[in-house]
Amino acid sequence: MILEIPHTKDLLECQTTYLDSKEEMLHKATNLLKSKLSGNRIVEIFLKTESYNEVHCFGKGEMYLWNPISQSFTQKYPSLF
């Protein structure tokens, strides 16, 4: 999956497999963001999902927020259904 940071136009590629659970994919994305981003500002991340497993776990083209202080990765507009 691709993590796109809209305000900087950066694209970060996160390698996942079809065997990864949602928690494993979140862990990989969190580790990638910790290693590539610096500062204490909350950052919007556009999650470009590609594989069936990624779309099943995260939806298609969802916006997430990265909070570097708590090191959390949460959906910006959670689904109501």
N, C-alpha and C. Protein backbone atom coordinates (compact mmCIF):
# COMPACT_ATOMS: atom_id res chain seq x y z
N MET A 1 0.85 -1.18 0.00
CA MET A 1 0.00 0.00 0.00
C MET A 1 0.89 1.23 0.00
N ILE A 2 0.34 2.33 -0.44
CA ILE A 2 1.07 3.58 -0.53
C ILE A 2 0.51 4.55 0.51
N LEU A 3 1.39 5.19 1.26
CA LEU A 3 1.00 6.23 2.21
C LEU A 3 1.37 7.56 1.58
N GLU A 4 0.37 8.33 1.22
CA GLU A 4 0.61 9.63 0.57
C GLU A 4 0.36 10.74 1.58
N ILE A 5 1.33 11.65 1.68
CA ILE A 5 1.20 12.80 2.58
C ILE A 5 0.84 14.00 1.71
N PRO A 6 -0.45 14.41 1.70
CA PRO A 6 -0.91 15.44 0.76
C PRO A 6 -0.19 16.78 0.85
N HIS A 7 0.13 17.25 2.07
CA HIS A 7 0.73 18.60 2.16
C HIS A 7 2.18 18.65 1.69
N THR A 8 2.86 17.50 1.64
CA THR A 8 4.25 17.49 1.15
C THR A 8 4.38 16.75 -0.18
N LYS A 9 3.32 16.08 -0.60
CA LYS A 9 3.30 15.27 -1.83
C LYS A 9 4.25 14.07 -1.75
N ASP A 10 4.66 13.68 -0.53
CA ASP A 10 5.52 12.52 -0.36
C ASP A 10 4.71 11.23 -0.50
N LEU A 11 5.33 10.22 -1.10
CA LEU A 11 4.73 8.90 -1.23
C LEU A 11 5.64 7.90 -0.52
N LEU A 12 5.09 7.16 0.43
CA LEU A 12 5.85 6.14 1.16
C LEU A 12 5.23 4.79 0.85
N GLU A 13 6.04 3.86 0.37
CA GLU A 13 5.54 2.53 0.04
C GLU A 13 5.69 1.60 1.23
N CYS A 14 4.59 0.99 1.62
CA CYS A 14 4.57 0.06 2.74
C CYS A 14 4.32 -1.34 2.18
N GLN A 15 5.30 -2.21 2.33
CA GLN A 15 5.21 -3.57 1.80
C GLN A 15 4.34 -4.44 2.71
N THR A 16 3.26 -4.98 2.15
CA THR A 16 2.40 -5.91 2.88
C THR A 16 2.22 -7.16 2.03
N THR A 17 1.75 -8.22 2.67
CA THR A 17 1.45 -9.45 1.95
C THR A 17 -0.02 -9.79 2.14
N TYR A 18 -0.49 -10.71 1.33
CA TYR A 18 -1.90 -11.11 1.45
C TYR A 18 -2.17 -11.90 2.73
N LEU A 19 -1.12 -12.32 3.41
CA LEU A 19 -1.28 -13.05 4.67
C LEU A 19 -1.30 -12.13 5.89
N ASP A 20 -0.94 -10.87 5.72
CA ASP A 20 -0.88 -9.93 6.84
C ASP A 20 -2.28 -9.63 7.38
N SER A 21 -2.39 -9.60 8.70
CA SER A 21 -3.64 -9.17 9.33
C SER A 21 -3.68 -7.64 9.33
N LYS A 22 -4.82 -7.08 9.71
CA LYS A 22 -4.94 -5.62 9.79
C LYS A 22 -3.93 -5.06 10.80
N GLU A 23 -3.76 -5.75 11.92
CA GLU A 23 -2.82 -5.29 12.94
C GLU A 23 -1.39 -5.31 12.42
N GLU A 24 -1.03 -6.34 11.66
CA GLU A 24 0.32 -6.41 11.10
C GLU A 24 0.56 -5.29 10.09
N MET A 25 -0.45 -5.01 9.27
CA MET A 25 -0.31 -3.92 8.30
C MET A 25 -0.21 -2.57 9.00
N LEU A 26 -1.01 -2.35 10.06
CA LEU A 26 -0.90 -1.11 10.83
C LEU A 26 0.46 -0.98 11.48
N HIS A 27 1.00 -2.08 11.99
CA HIS A 27 2.33 -2.07 12.61
C HIS A 27 3.39 -1.69 11.57
N LYS A 28 3.31 -2.24 10.38
CA LYS A 28 4.26 -1.91 9.32
C LYS A 28 4.15 -0.44 8.92
N ALA A 29 2.92 0.06 8.79
CA ALA A 29 2.71 1.47 8.43
C ALA A 29 3.22 2.38 9.54
N THR A 30 2.96 2.03 10.80
CA THR A 30 3.43 2.83 11.93
C THR A 30 4.95 2.88 11.97
N ASN A 31 5.60 1.75 11.77
CA ASN A 31 7.07 1.72 11.76
C ASN A 31 7.64 2.56 10.63
N LEU A 32 7.01 2.51 9.47
CA LEU A 32 7.46 3.31 8.33
C LEU A 32 7.32 4.80 8.63
N LEU A 33 6.19 5.20 9.20
CA LEU A 33 5.98 6.61 9.52
C LEU A 33 6.94 7.08 10.61
N LYS A 34 7.20 6.24 11.61
CA LYS A 34 8.15 6.62 12.67
C LYS A 34 9.55 6.84 12.09
N SER A 35 9.92 6.04 11.11
CA SER A 35 11.28 6.15 10.56
C SER A 35 11.41 7.28 9.54
N LYS A 36 10.32 7.67 8.89
CA LYS A 36 10.41 8.65 7.80
C LYS A 36 9.97 10.06 8.16
N LEU A 37 9.12 10.20 9.18
CA LEU A 37 8.60 11.52 9.53
C LEU A 37 9.18 12.00 10.85
N SER A 38 9.45 13.28 10.91
CA SER A 38 9.94 13.87 12.16
C SER A 38 9.04 15.02 12.56
N GLY A 39 9.16 15.46 13.78
CA GLY A 39 8.34 16.56 14.28
C GLY A 39 7.20 16.05 15.13
N ASN A 40 6.47 17.00 15.73
CA ASN A 40 5.37 16.66 16.64
C ASN A 40 4.01 17.04 16.08
N ARG A 41 3.94 17.32 14.80
CA ARG A 41 2.69 17.76 14.19
C ARG A 41 1.87 16.57 13.68
N ILE A 42 0.55 16.61 13.90
CA ILE A 42 -0.33 15.59 13.37
C ILE A 42 -0.38 15.74 11.85
N VAL A 43 -0.24 14.63 11.15
CA VAL A 43 -0.12 14.65 9.70
C VAL A 43 -1.26 13.84 9.08
N GLU A 44 -1.89 14.39 8.04
CA GLU A 44 -2.89 13.64 7.28
C GLU A 44 -2.17 12.69 6.34
N ILE A 45 -2.66 11.47 6.27
CA ILE A 45 -2.10 10.44 5.39
C ILE A 45 -3.23 9.89 4.54
N PHE A 46 -3.05 9.91 3.22
CA PHE A 46 -4.01 9.29 2.32
C PHE A 46 -3.51 7.88 2.05
N LEU A 47 -4.31 6.90 2.41
CA LEU A 47 -3.91 5.51 2.29
C LEU A 47 -4.42 4.94 0.97
N LYS A 48 -3.49 4.68 0.06
CA LYS A 48 -3.84 4.10 -1.24
C LYS A 48 -3.68 2.58 -1.13
N THR A 49 -4.79 1.91 -0.99
CA THR A 49 -4.77 0.46 -0.87
C THR A 49 -4.80 -0.15 -2.27
N GLU A 50 -4.09 -1.27 -2.42
CA GLU A 50 -3.98 -1.88 -3.73
C GLU A 50 -4.50 -3.32 -3.77
N SER A 51 -4.09 -4.13 -2.82
CA SER A 51 -4.48 -5.55 -2.85
C SER A 51 -5.86 -5.74 -2.25
N TYR A 52 -6.45 -6.90 -2.52
CA TYR A 52 -7.75 -7.22 -1.96
C TYR A 52 -7.72 -7.18 -0.43
N ASN A 53 -6.65 -7.73 0.15
CA ASN A 53 -6.53 -7.77 1.61
C ASN A 53 -6.47 -6.36 2.21
N GLU A 54 -5.71 -5.46 1.57
CA GLU A 54 -5.61 -4.08 2.06
C GLU A 54 -6.96 -3.37 1.97
N VAL A 55 -7.66 -3.54 0.84
CA VAL A 55 -8.97 -2.91 0.67
C VAL A 55 -9.96 -3.47 1.68
N HIS A 56 -9.91 -4.78 1.91
CA HIS A 56 -10.81 -5.42 2.88
C HIS A 56 -10.59 -4.87 4.29
N CYS A 57 -9.33 -4.65 4.67
CA CYS A 57 -9.02 -4.18 6.03
C CYS A 57 -9.19 -2.67 6.21
N PHE A 58 -8.87 -1.88 5.19
CA PHE A 58 -8.81 -0.43 5.36
C PHE A 58 -9.76 0.36 4.46
N GLY A 59 -10.44 -0.28 3.53
CA GLY A 59 -11.27 0.46 2.59
C GLY A 59 -10.43 0.94 1.42
N LYS A 60 -11.05 1.63 0.51
CA LYS A 60 -10.36 2.08 -0.69
C LYS A 60 -10.18 3.59 -0.62
N GLY A 61 -8.94 4.04 -0.57
CA GLY A 61 -8.65 5.47 -0.59
C GLY A 61 -9.15 6.23 0.63
N GLU A 62 -8.77 5.80 1.80
CA GLU A 62 -9.21 6.44 3.04
C GLU A 62 -8.15 7.40 3.57
N MET A 63 -8.60 8.41 4.30
CA MET A 63 -7.72 9.39 4.93
C MET A 63 -7.51 8.99 6.38
N TYR A 64 -6.25 8.98 6.80
CA TYR A 64 -5.88 8.65 8.17
C TYR A 64 -5.07 9.80 8.77
N LEU A 65 -4.96 9.80 10.09
CA LEU A 65 -4.16 10.79 10.79
C LEU A 65 -3.03 10.09 11.53
N TRP A 66 -1.82 10.62 11.40
CA TRP A 66 -0.66 10.12 12.13
C TRP A 66 -0.34 11.10 13.25
N ASN A 67 -0.38 10.63 14.48
CA ASN A 67 -0.05 11.44 15.65
C ASN A 67 1.32 10.97 16.15
N PRO A 68 2.39 11.75 15.90
CA PRO A 68 3.73 11.31 16.29
C PRO A 68 3.96 11.29 17.80
N ILE A 69 3.18 12.05 18.55
CA ILE A 69 3.37 12.07 20.00
C ILE A 69 2.90 10.75 20.62
N SER A 70 1.69 10.32 20.27
CA SER A 70 1.18 9.05 20.79
C SER A 70 1.51 7.89 19.86
N GLN A 71 2.10 8.21 18.72
CA GLN A 71 2.45 7.23 17.68
C GLN A 71 1.24 6.38 17.31
N SER A 72 0.13 7.09 17.04
CA SER A 72 -1.10 6.41 16.66
C SER A 72 -1.48 6.76 15.22
N PHE A 73 -2.14 5.84 14.59
CA PHE A 73 -2.54 5.93 13.19
C PHE A 73 -4.03 5.63 13.17
N THR A 74 -4.88 6.67 13.01
CA THR A 74 -6.32 6.48 13.11
C THR A 74 -7.04 7.03 11.89
N GLN A 75 -8.20 6.46 11.61
CA GLN A 75 -8.99 6.89 10.46
C GLN A 75 -9.59 8.26 10.73
N LYS A 76 -9.47 9.17 9.74
CA LYS A 76 -9.96 10.54 9.91
C LYS A 76 -11.47 10.60 9.88
N TYR A 77 -12.08 9.91 8.95
CA TYR A 77 -13.54 9.88 8.81
C TYR A 77 -14.01 8.45 9.00
N PRO A 78 -14.23 8.01 10.24
CA PRO A 78 -14.62 6.62 10.46
C PRO A 78 -15.98 6.31 9.83
N SER A 79 -16.10 5.10 9.35
CA SER A 79 -17.35 4.65 8.75
C SER A 79 -18.42 4.52 9.83
N LEU A 80 -19.61 4.93 9.51
CA LEU A 80 -20.72 4.84 10.46
C LEU A 80 -21.43 3.50 10.36
N PHE A 81 -21.11 2.73 9.36
CA PHE A 81 -21.80 1.45 9.15
C PHE A 81 -20.83 0.31 9.15
